[in-house]
Protein backbone atom coordinates (compact mmCIF):
# COMPACT_ATOMS: atom_id res chain seq x y z
CA MET A 1 -41.52 21.32 47.81
CA ARG A 2 -43.56 23.33 45.30
CA THR A 3 -45.91 24.90 47.89
CA LEU A 4 -43.09 26.26 49.96
CA LEU A 5 -41.18 27.51 46.93
CA LEU A 6 -44.12 29.41 45.51
CA CYS A 7 -44.83 31.02 48.85
CA CYS A 8 -41.24 31.94 49.48
CA ILE A 9 -39.85 32.57 46.00
CA ILE A 10 -36.91 34.97 45.95
CA LEU A 11 -35.85 37.44 43.30
CA VAL A 12 -32.44 36.92 41.76
CA SER A 13 -31.36 40.31 43.04
CA ALA A 14 -29.85 40.21 46.51
CA PRO A 15 -31.86 41.42 49.51
CA LYS A 16 -31.23 44.96 50.61
CA THR A 17 -32.02 47.14 53.58
CA PHE A 18 -34.09 50.20 52.82
CA ALA A 19 -33.31 53.44 54.59
CA GLN A 20 -36.67 54.77 53.37
CA PRO A 21 -39.19 53.31 50.92
CA CYS A 22 -38.99 54.71 47.39
CA LYS A 23 -42.77 55.16 47.22
CA GLU A 24 -45.43 55.78 49.83
CA VAL A 25 -45.92 52.65 51.93
CA VAL A 26 -48.83 53.03 54.35
CA GLY A 27 -49.04 50.16 56.81
CA TYR A 28 -52.11 49.57 58.95
CA TYR A 29 -51.40 48.38 62.48
CA PRO A 30 -54.53 47.07 64.24
CA SER A 31 -54.43 47.53 68.01
CA TRP A 32 -55.84 44.04 68.66
CA GLN A 33 -52.89 42.42 66.92
CA TRP A 34 -50.64 43.68 69.71
CA TYR A 35 -51.79 40.68 71.76
CA ASP A 36 -51.16 38.13 69.00
CA ARG A 37 -48.25 35.65 69.23
CA ASP A 38 -47.37 36.85 72.73
CA LYS A 39 -47.07 40.47 71.54
CA LEU A 40 -44.59 39.58 68.82
CA VAL A 41 -45.24 42.69 66.70
CA ASN A 42 -44.91 45.64 69.06
CA PRO A 43 -43.42 49.15 69.01
CA HIS A 44 -39.93 47.72 69.65
CA SER A 45 -40.01 44.96 67.03
CA ILE A 46 -41.64 46.78 64.10
CA ASP A 47 -39.18 47.42 61.27
CA TYR A 48 -39.99 51.08 60.62
CA SER A 49 -37.61 51.25 57.66
CA LYS A 50 -40.24 49.44 55.58
CA TYR A 51 -42.97 52.09 55.87
CA THR A 52 -43.51 55.80 55.40
CA ILE A 53 -46.76 56.01 57.38
CA LEU A 54 -48.37 53.77 59.98
CA ASN A 55 -52.14 54.00 60.39
CA TYR A 56 -53.22 52.97 63.87
CA ALA A 57 -56.53 51.11 63.59
CA PHE A 58 -59.16 51.77 64.83
CA LEU A 59 -60.74 54.51 66.93
CA LYS A 60 -64.51 54.84 67.28
CA PRO A 61 -66.64 57.81 66.19
CA GLU A 62 -69.41 58.21 68.78
CA PRO A 63 -72.99 59.34 67.91
CA ASP A 64 -72.39 62.86 69.29
CA GLY A 65 -69.26 63.37 67.18
CA SER A 66 -66.73 62.61 69.88
CA ILE A 67 -64.07 59.93 69.35
CA SER A 68 -63.36 57.11 71.79
CA LEU A 69 -60.63 54.49 72.11
CA PHE A 70 -61.45 50.99 70.87
CA ASP A 71 -59.26 49.04 73.33
CA SER A 72 -58.24 51.26 76.22
CA TRP A 73 -55.50 48.91 77.50
CA ALA A 74 -53.82 48.33 74.14
CA ASP A 75 -54.29 51.96 73.13
CA GLU A 76 -52.68 53.25 76.31
CA ASN A 77 -49.65 50.97 76.01
CA LEU A 78 -49.18 51.49 72.30
CA LEU A 79 -49.90 55.22 71.99
CA LEU A 80 -48.51 56.52 75.27
CA GLY A 81 -45.86 53.92 76.04
CA GLU A 82 -45.07 51.22 78.54
CA ILE A 83 -46.52 52.03 81.95
CA ASP A 84 -44.02 53.01 84.63
CA TRP A 85 -45.71 51.47 87.65
CA SER A 86 -43.33 53.22 90.07
CA THR A 87 -44.43 56.70 88.98
CA GLY A 88 -47.79 56.10 87.33
CA GLY A 89 -46.43 57.61 84.13
CA TYR A 90 -44.96 56.09 80.99
CA VAL A 91 -41.48 54.91 80.09
CA PRO A 92 -40.04 57.47 77.65
CA ASN A 93 -39.57 56.50 73.99
CA THR A 94 -41.54 53.26 74.21
CA SER A 95 -44.72 54.22 72.35
CA LEU A 96 -45.47 53.33 68.75
CA ILE A 97 -45.49 57.02 67.87
CA SER A 98 -42.18 57.90 69.51
CA LYS A 99 -40.49 54.89 67.90
CA ALA A 100 -41.95 55.76 64.50
CA HIS A 101 -40.93 59.41 64.73
CA THR A 102 -37.39 58.40 65.65
CA ASN A 103 -37.34 56.50 62.36
CA ASN A 104 -38.89 59.34 60.31
CA VAL A 105 -42.23 57.53 59.98
CA LYS A 106 -45.54 59.34 60.46
CA VAL A 107 -48.44 57.88 62.46
CA LEU A 108 -52.12 58.62 61.91
CA PRO A 109 -55.13 57.40 63.90
CA SER A 110 -57.52 55.55 61.60
CA ILE A 111 -61.05 56.39 62.69
CA GLY A 112 -63.89 54.05 61.78
CA GLY A 113 -63.34 50.79 59.91
CA TRP A 114 -65.85 48.14 58.91
CA THR A 115 -67.35 47.59 62.36
CA LEU A 116 -67.20 51.19 63.58
CA SER A 117 -68.70 53.18 60.69
CA ASP A 118 -72.39 53.21 61.63
CA ASN A 119 -72.22 56.62 63.33
CA PHE A 120 -70.59 58.52 60.46
CA PRO A 121 -73.79 59.37 58.54
CA GLY A 122 -75.38 61.01 61.60
CA ILE A 123 -72.21 62.93 62.47
CA ALA A 124 -71.68 64.16 58.92
CA ALA A 125 -75.32 65.31 58.61
CA ASP A 126 -75.23 67.60 61.66
CA PRO A 127 -73.19 70.85 61.70
CA GLN A 128 -72.62 70.72 65.47
CA LYS A 129 -71.55 67.07 65.39
CA ARG A 130 -69.18 67.78 62.51
CA GLN A 131 -67.59 70.51 64.56
CA THR A 132 -67.36 68.24 67.60
CA PHE A 133 -65.76 65.53 65.49
CA ALA A 134 -63.21 67.91 63.99
CA GLN A 135 -62.22 69.19 67.43
CA ALA A 136 -61.94 65.60 68.66
CA CYS A 137 -59.48 64.98 65.81
CA VAL A 138 -57.40 67.93 66.99
CA ASN A 139 -57.54 66.62 70.56
CA LEU A 140 -56.23 63.24 69.38
CA ILE A 141 -53.30 64.89 67.61
CA GLN A 142 -52.51 66.98 70.68
CA THR A 143 -52.76 64.10 73.13
CA TYR A 144 -50.73 61.51 71.27
CA ASN A 145 -48.59 63.58 68.87
CA PHE A 146 -50.18 62.10 65.75
CA ASP A 147 -49.24 63.53 62.34
CA GLY A 148 -52.78 63.96 61.04
CA ILE A 149 -55.96 61.94 60.63
CA ASP A 150 -57.02 58.92 58.55
CA LEU A 151 -60.78 58.68 58.04
CA ASP A 152 -62.09 55.18 57.35
CA TRP A 153 -65.81 55.61 56.70
CA GLU A 154 -67.02 52.33 55.17
CA TYR A 155 -68.85 53.69 53.22
CA PRO A 156 -70.73 56.90 52.44
CA GLY A 157 -74.17 55.91 51.17
CA PHE A 158 -73.81 52.30 52.33
CA VAL A 159 -77.25 51.35 53.68
CA ASP A 160 -75.95 48.51 55.87
CA HIS A 161 -73.99 51.09 57.88
CA ASN A 162 -76.82 53.64 58.12
CA GLY A 163 -75.79 55.36 54.90
CA THR A 164 -78.12 57.78 53.12
CA PRO A 165 -78.09 59.59 49.74
CA GLN A 166 -77.18 62.76 51.66
CA ASP A 167 -73.80 61.22 52.50
CA PHE A 168 -72.61 62.28 49.04
CA GLN A 169 -72.60 65.91 50.17
CA ASN A 170 -72.09 65.35 53.89
CA PHE A 171 -68.87 63.39 53.45
CA THR A 172 -67.38 66.47 51.80
CA LEU A 173 -68.67 68.72 54.59
CA LEU A 174 -67.14 66.46 57.25
CA LEU A 175 -63.77 66.39 55.50
CA GLN A 176 -63.84 70.19 55.10
CA GLU A 177 -64.45 70.60 58.83
CA VAL A 178 -61.61 68.25 59.76
CA ARG A 179 -59.24 69.74 57.18
CA THR A 180 -59.78 73.25 58.53
CA ALA A 181 -59.43 72.22 62.16
CA ILE A 182 -56.24 70.19 61.85
CA ASP A 183 -54.65 72.72 59.47
CA ASN A 184 -55.32 75.55 61.94
CA TYR A 185 -53.83 73.51 64.75
CA GLY A 186 -50.85 72.53 62.62
CA ALA A 187 -50.20 76.16 61.75
CA SER A 188 -50.23 77.05 65.45
CA ILE A 189 -47.38 74.62 66.16
CA GLY A 190 -45.55 74.96 62.85
CA LYS A 191 -46.38 71.48 61.57
CA THR A 192 -48.14 70.30 58.42
CA MET A 193 -50.92 67.83 59.13
CA LEU A 194 -52.00 64.98 56.85
CA LEU A 195 -55.61 64.16 56.07
CA THR A 196 -56.13 60.81 54.39
CA ALA A 197 -59.12 58.55 53.76
CA ALA A 198 -59.67 54.88 52.99
CA VAL A 199 -62.13 54.42 50.12
CA GLY A 200 -64.00 51.51 48.56
CA ALA A 201 -62.67 49.84 45.44
CA ASN A 202 -65.87 49.25 43.49
CA GLN A 203 -67.97 51.66 41.46
CA GLN A 204 -70.97 51.48 43.78
CA HIS A 205 -68.95 52.97 46.63
CA MET A 206 -67.06 55.41 44.41
CA ASP A 207 -70.31 56.81 43.03
CA ASN A 208 -71.28 57.97 46.53
CA VAL A 209 -68.33 60.36 46.80
CA ASP A 210 -68.13 63.84 45.28
CA TRP A 211 -64.59 63.36 44.02
CA ASN A 212 -64.23 66.84 42.51
CA ALA A 213 -64.74 68.28 45.99
CA VAL A 214 -63.12 65.52 48.05
CA SER A 215 -59.83 65.02 46.17
CA PRO A 216 -58.45 68.51 46.93
CA LEU A 217 -59.17 68.02 50.64
CA LEU A 218 -57.16 64.81 50.97
CA ASP A 219 -53.40 64.31 50.90
CA ILE A 220 -53.65 60.56 50.27
CA ILE A 221 -56.55 58.42 49.04
CA ASN A 222 -56.12 54.86 50.31
CA LEU A 223 -57.84 52.54 47.84
CA MET A 224 -58.97 49.36 49.60
CA SER A 225 -58.34 47.11 46.61
CA TYR A 226 -58.99 43.79 48.33
CA ASP A 227 -62.06 41.86 49.56
CA PHE A 228 -63.31 41.70 45.97
CA PHE A 229 -64.59 38.15 46.44
CA GLY A 230 -65.26 36.01 49.50
CA THR A 231 -67.71 33.73 51.28
CA TRP A 232 -70.54 36.07 50.29
CA ASP A 233 -70.16 34.79 46.71
CA PRO A 234 -71.68 31.47 45.51
CA ILE A 235 -68.41 30.35 43.93
CA THR A 236 -64.82 30.44 45.14
CA ASN A 237 -62.73 33.31 43.81
CA HIS A 238 -59.78 35.56 44.58
CA ASN A 239 -59.66 38.00 47.47
CA ALA A 240 -57.49 40.52 45.61
CA PRO A 241 -56.86 39.63 41.95
CA LEU A 242 -54.50 41.94 40.10
CA PHE A 243 -56.48 41.47 36.87
CA ALA A 244 -60.00 40.23 36.21
CA PRO A 245 -60.32 36.49 36.92
CA GLN A 246 -61.96 34.16 34.43
CA GLN A 247 -65.23 34.39 36.35
CA GLY A 248 -66.68 37.21 38.44
CA GLY A 249 -67.13 40.93 37.90
CA SER A 250 -64.71 42.28 35.32
CA ASP A 251 -64.11 45.43 37.40
CA PHE A 252 -63.45 43.54 40.63
CA ASN A 253 -59.65 43.63 40.61
CA VAL A 254 -56.79 45.88 41.62
CA SER A 255 -55.96 47.17 38.14
CA SER A 256 -59.55 48.09 37.26
CA ALA A 257 -60.09 49.82 40.61
CA ILE A 258 -57.04 52.02 40.06
CA ASP A 259 -58.14 52.84 36.51
CA LEU A 260 -61.67 53.61 37.65
CA LEU A 261 -60.50 56.06 40.29
CA MET A 262 -58.07 57.80 37.93
CA ASN A 263 -59.99 57.77 34.66
CA SER A 264 -63.68 57.84 35.58
CA TYR A 265 -63.46 60.11 38.64
CA ASN A 266 -60.33 62.08 37.69
CA VAL A 267 -58.59 61.48 41.01
CA PRO A 268 -54.96 62.62 40.72
CA LYS A 269 -52.67 59.60 40.46
CA GLU A 270 -50.16 61.19 42.82
CA LYS A 271 -52.73 60.91 45.63
CA ILE A 272 -53.68 57.24 45.13
CA THR A 273 -52.24 54.40 47.16
CA ALA A 274 -53.46 50.92 46.14
CA GLY A 275 -54.25 48.26 48.71
CA VAL A 276 -52.23 45.05 48.96
CA ALA A 277 -53.43 42.21 51.17
CA PHE A 278 -51.14 40.51 53.66
CA TYR A 279 -53.93 38.06 54.47
CA GLY A 280 -56.13 35.53 52.71
CA ARG A 281 -59.76 34.39 52.64
CA SER A 282 -60.88 30.81 53.07
CA ALA A 283 -64.10 29.18 51.94
CA LYS A 284 -65.51 25.73 52.67
CA THR A 285 -66.56 24.00 49.48
CA SER A 286 -69.44 21.66 48.71
CA GLY A 287 -67.07 19.11 47.15
CA THR A 288 -63.47 18.91 46.04
CA PRO A 289 -62.11 22.47 46.35
CA THR A 290 -61.28 24.29 43.14
CA LEU A 291 -61.13 27.81 41.77
CA HIS A 292 -64.59 28.99 40.67
CA GLY A 293 -66.16 25.97 42.37
CA ALA A 294 -69.25 25.86 44.58
CA SER A 295 -68.83 27.48 47.99
CA THR A 296 -70.88 26.75 51.10
CA GLY A 297 -70.69 30.42 52.09
CA LEU A 298 -68.70 29.55 55.20
CA ALA A 299 -65.07 30.25 56.05
CA ASP A 300 -62.78 27.53 57.41
CA ASN A 301 -62.80 28.48 61.08
CA VAL A 302 -61.10 25.24 62.09
CA THR A 303 -57.91 25.24 60.00
CA PHE A 304 -57.62 29.00 60.43
CA SER A 305 -59.22 29.39 63.86
CA ILE A 306 -56.84 32.14 64.99
CA ASP A 307 -58.05 34.56 62.32
CA ALA A 308 -61.66 33.32 62.07
CA GLY A 309 -61.12 31.90 58.60
CA THR A 310 -59.37 35.00 57.26
CA PRO A 311 -55.76 34.02 57.89
CA LEU A 312 -52.80 36.36 58.01
CA TYR A 313 -49.84 35.43 55.83
CA TYR A 314 -47.85 33.85 58.65
CA SER A 315 -50.80 31.56 59.47
CA ILE A 316 -51.03 30.51 55.83
CA LEU A 317 -47.37 29.49 55.83
CA ILE A 318 -47.88 27.44 58.99
CA GLU A 319 -50.80 25.50 57.48
CA GLN A 320 -49.57 25.27 53.89
CA ASN A 321 -48.73 21.56 54.06
CA GLN A 322 -52.45 20.81 54.24
CA PHE A 323 -52.94 22.35 50.79
CA ASP A 324 -51.93 22.12 47.18
CA ASP A 325 -50.69 25.44 45.81
CA HIS A 326 -51.78 26.88 42.46
CA TRP A 327 -51.18 29.96 40.34
CA ASP A 328 -53.90 31.75 38.33
CA ASP A 329 -52.01 33.23 35.40
CA ILE A 330 -55.06 35.24 34.34
CA ALA A 331 -55.66 37.04 37.64
CA LYS A 332 -51.93 36.87 38.58
CA VAL A 333 -52.51 35.61 42.11
CA PRO A 334 -52.01 32.28 43.91
CA TYR A 335 -54.60 30.12 45.61
CA MET A 336 -54.63 26.90 47.59
CA THR A 337 -56.93 23.89 47.68
CA GLY A 338 -57.17 21.49 50.60
CA LYS A 339 -55.91 17.96 50.19
CA ASN A 340 -56.59 14.64 51.94
CA GLY A 341 -60.29 15.42 52.18
CA LEU A 342 -59.95 19.02 53.38
CA ASN A 343 -62.68 20.81 51.43
CA THR A 344 -61.24 24.29 51.78
CA PHE A 345 -60.38 26.88 49.13
CA LEU A 346 -57.94 29.61 50.12
CA SER A 347 -57.23 32.82 48.25
CA TYR A 348 -54.17 34.75 49.36
CA ASP A 349 -51.16 36.79 48.22
CA ASN A 350 -47.56 35.62 48.23
CA GLU A 351 -44.25 37.22 47.31
CA LEU A 352 -44.77 36.76 43.58
CA SER A 353 -48.25 38.33 43.51
CA ILE A 354 -47.09 41.22 45.73
CA GLU A 355 -44.18 41.72 43.34
CA LEU A 356 -46.52 41.92 40.34
CA LYS A 357 -48.85 44.33 42.14
CA ALA A 358 -45.91 46.52 43.11
CA GLN A 359 -44.76 46.56 39.49
CA HIS A 360 -48.26 47.55 38.42
CA ILE A 361 -48.25 50.42 40.94
CA VAL A 362 -44.97 51.64 39.46
CA GLU A 363 -46.31 51.29 35.92
CA LYS A 364 -49.47 53.25 36.81
CA ASP A 365 -47.22 55.88 38.42
CA ILE A 366 -49.49 56.23 41.45
CA ARG A 367 -48.29 57.31 44.87
CA GLY A 368 -47.71 53.90 46.42
CA ALA A 369 -49.43 51.19 48.44
CA ILE A 370 -51.38 50.56 51.60
CA ILE A 371 -51.00 47.32 53.52
CA TRP A 372 -53.77 45.58 55.41
CA GLU A 373 -52.16 44.70 57.66
CA ILE A 374 -48.50 44.69 58.62
CA THR A 375 -48.41 42.10 61.44
CA GLY A 376 -49.21 39.15 59.18
CA ASP A 377 -45.90 39.63 57.38
CA TYR A 378 -43.71 39.20 60.47
CA ILE A 379 -42.47 35.64 60.09
CA GLU A 380 -40.85 33.86 63.04
CA THR A 381 -37.76 31.68 62.78
CA ALA A 382 -40.15 28.87 63.81
CA PRO A 383 -43.79 29.10 64.90
CA GLY A 384 -43.88 30.19 68.52
CA SER A 385 -40.17 31.06 68.72
CA GLY A 386 -40.88 34.71 69.43
CA VAL A 387 -37.99 35.66 67.13
CA ILE A 388 -38.75 37.53 63.91
CA ALA A 389 -36.81 36.16 60.95
CA HIS A 390 -37.98 38.43 58.14
CA THR A 391 -40.82 40.38 56.54
CA PRO A 392 -40.94 38.88 53.03
CA LEU A 393 -44.00 40.65 51.60
CA VAL A 394 -43.11 44.23 52.47
CA ASN A 395 -39.50 43.48 51.49
CA LYS A 396 -40.74 42.47 48.04
CA LEU A 397 -42.94 45.57 47.83
CA ASN A 398 -40.05 47.90 48.58
CA ASP A 399 -37.61 46.00 46.39
CA VAL A 400 -39.83 46.62 43.38
CA PHE A 401 -40.55 50.22 44.35
CA CYS A 402 -36.84 50.96 44.53
CA ASN A 403 -35.55 48.90 41.61
CA TYR A 404 -38.20 48.16 39.01
CA VAL A 405 -38.00 50.22 35.83
CA PRO A 406 -40.84 49.63 33.35
CA SER A 407 -39.98 49.31 29.69
CA GLY A 408 -39.66 52.80 28.21
CA GLY A 409 -39.97 54.63 31.50
CA SER A 410 -38.37 55.39 34.85
CA GLY A 411 -39.58 53.88 38.06
CA GLY A 412 -38.65 53.37 41.68
CA ASN A 413 -35.49 55.37 42.27
CA GLY A 414 -35.36 56.38 38.62
CA GLY A 415 -31.90 55.03 37.99
CA SER A 416 -31.30 51.49 39.12
CA GLY A 417 -30.71 50.22 35.61
CA ASN A 418 -32.51 46.98 36.47
CA VAL A 419 -34.55 45.29 33.80
CA GLY A 420 -38.29 45.82 33.67
CA LEU A 421 -39.70 42.33 34.17
CA GLU A 422 -42.92 43.00 32.30
CA GLU A 423 -45.06 40.46 30.50
CA GLU A 424 -46.77 41.02 27.16
CA GLN A 425 -50.10 39.43 26.29
CA THR A 426 -49.72 37.53 23.01
CA ASP A 427 -51.70 34.78 21.32
CA PHE A 428 -48.82 33.03 19.56
CA VAL A 429 -46.08 32.72 22.19
CA SER A 430 -46.31 30.67 25.37
CA LEU A 431 -43.97 29.34 28.05
CA TYR A 432 -44.72 26.10 29.86
CA PRO A 433 -44.60 24.96 32.50
CA ASN A 434 -44.41 28.33 34.22
CA PRO A 435 -43.29 28.25 37.02
CA ALA A 436 -40.62 25.77 35.86
CA SER A 437 -37.75 24.00 37.59
CA THR A 438 -35.63 22.13 35.03
CA ILE A 439 -37.05 22.17 31.49
CA LEU A 440 -38.84 25.14 29.88
CA THR A 441 -40.70 24.76 26.59
CA ILE A 442 -41.16 27.82 24.38
CA SER A 443 -43.95 27.54 21.84
CA THR A 444 -44.20 30.09 19.00
CA GLY A 445 -46.60 28.30 16.66
CA SER A 446 -44.39 28.94 13.62
CA SER A 447 -41.03 28.02 12.13
CA GLU A 448 -39.82 31.61 12.05
CA LYS A 449 -36.32 32.04 13.40
CA VAL A 450 -36.27 33.33 16.97
CA GLN A 451 -33.45 34.36 19.26
CA VAL A 452 -34.16 33.84 22.96
CA GLU A 453 -32.45 35.69 25.81
CA ILE A 454 -33.19 34.94 29.47
CA ILE A 455 -32.52 38.03 31.57
CA ASP A 456 -32.15 38.16 35.36
CA GLY A 457 -33.31 40.85 37.79
CA HIS A 458 -30.15 42.91 37.23
CA GLY A 459 -30.68 43.07 33.48
CA LYS A 460 -27.92 40.53 32.81
CA ILE A 461 -28.38 37.97 30.01
CA VAL A 462 -27.85 34.59 31.67
CA SER A 463 -28.84 32.25 28.84
CA THR A 464 -29.25 32.49 25.04
CA HIS A 465 -30.83 30.15 22.50
CA THR A 466 -31.72 30.27 18.79
CA PHE A 467 -34.19 28.00 17.01
CA ASN A 468 -36.55 27.97 14.01
CA SER A 469 -39.16 25.41 15.00
CA ALA A 470 -42.69 25.72 16.39
CA SER A 471 -41.46 24.84 19.87
CA LYS A 472 -38.21 24.36 21.70
CA SER A 473 -37.41 22.81 25.07
CA ILE A 474 -34.42 24.25 26.91
CA ASP A 475 -32.62 23.29 30.09
CA ILE A 476 -32.92 25.94 32.83
CA SER A 477 -31.79 23.78 35.74
CA HIS A 478 -28.62 25.87 36.12
CA LEU A 479 -30.60 29.04 36.89
CA THR A 480 -31.19 30.01 40.51
CA ALA A 481 -34.73 30.42 41.82
CA GLY A 482 -36.30 33.76 41.02
CA VAL A 483 -38.13 35.82 38.45
CA TYR A 484 -36.66 36.27 34.97
CA GLN A 485 -37.61 37.90 31.70
CA VAL A 486 -37.60 35.79 28.54
CA GLN A 487 -37.02 38.07 25.55
CA MET A 488 -37.77 36.58 22.13
CA SER A 489 -36.60 38.42 18.99
CA PHE A 490 -38.15 37.20 15.76
CA SER A 491 -36.71 37.59 12.26
CA SER A 492 -39.65 39.86 11.49
CA ARG A 493 -38.13 42.18 14.13
CA LYS A 494 -41.05 41.74 16.52
CA VAL A 495 -39.85 41.41 20.13
CA VAL A 496 -41.95 39.56 22.70
CA ARG A 497 -41.17 39.48 26.41
CA LYS A 498 -42.57 37.00 28.91
CA LYS A 499 -42.06 36.59 32.65
CA LEU A 500 -40.59 33.29 33.82
CA VAL A 501 -40.73 32.04 37.41
CA LYS A 502 -37.85 29.64 38.11
CA LEU A 503 -38.25 27.15 40.96
CA GLU A 504 -35.49 25.29 42.73
């Protein structure tokens, strides 16, 4: 079934277990997801080997600068551990933080978020409140043994969240206060503290940050490169396109957001982690659903009722039979359209799009990735089984980080020897259909002699062909499902490489 295959496509290279990710992998864990699927994703079941940092989301900044818990019951159980009702204390080594530390993973409290950012402008504008906030950050680290602080102010200068033009300067002042406070505390206990921040991925939000002052204060800058398009737009579009889609803002995509941060604001690439989405966005359509078609401005809260129309990846897999699956080869992301009268458009990420984004992160040579959010990637053996089978999206992310070597450079672990499965944009060479299952047609538009090599994920040539016609159809039914590179060498010595997705 094509839908299932595209969602669950597997690289030719065999799966591997990662002792530690080869790049920074920051996974957000929202406290409210602890309750989901009968507490399926909990401190005991999280696969810590897939992440370097877990950001615990979210804690609330109060108007006076203090910080409060968002869900006292979940926060107590997750941050302090299972309650020992016989003693009134906590069962040792059962908290998220103790489990993470055992596995060499750091944990930071993420303060703010979309619904809890309204108080930041007032705190940042007042010297006393800034000091109170910074001390509250230290208190959090002391109480729960956090490894630093993640600030998620969405966004400085954003009017809808009480932002003002003064936020440009005050954001820096707030970070300076927190940086000093947690560094002083860290020095007192002989531990280096991290200070990170989640930042907006479009120019409007970036313009409201004094990057020359802010960048040196932060260890990691978490670029929220998703939510580019949604129900707020009049037409359906992608939640997190890798490249600019055919319609919509040309800068609203992962690649442009990374370039903007590095090139226009001179943010050091070694501090940037790009966001990857382990969720999708639905939109009800006025008629037959299609990409760049008319949207009603409403999410599908019926099909995806659990996530209020913004389904996590596991929910998408459960409901996929109600949809036809498609691939946008311009934006390099999948999407789904409802069938049998279901007027729903769904943008999401699957293993292939995560793979391409991970490759792009390696090619840009930035620090790594952030995941919103990790629980959607924990797939059960069957819905409701309570048994985790695998984590396909973060597996794909780490597989690329550890094995992908771009053409002409080193990547991942710097020495895997695996082929760089890059794709070159050309006007005269095309592969179709792509993805393909049995027959692949290569069109060159000329009768020039061309030698074709199909290369697997290990860099091994698995099929060769030579022809001197404008197009050639070849049998690929013997190849296993996965991602390949098609390398075409022309008599004029020009070499063109294209990515091929092979289905079962």
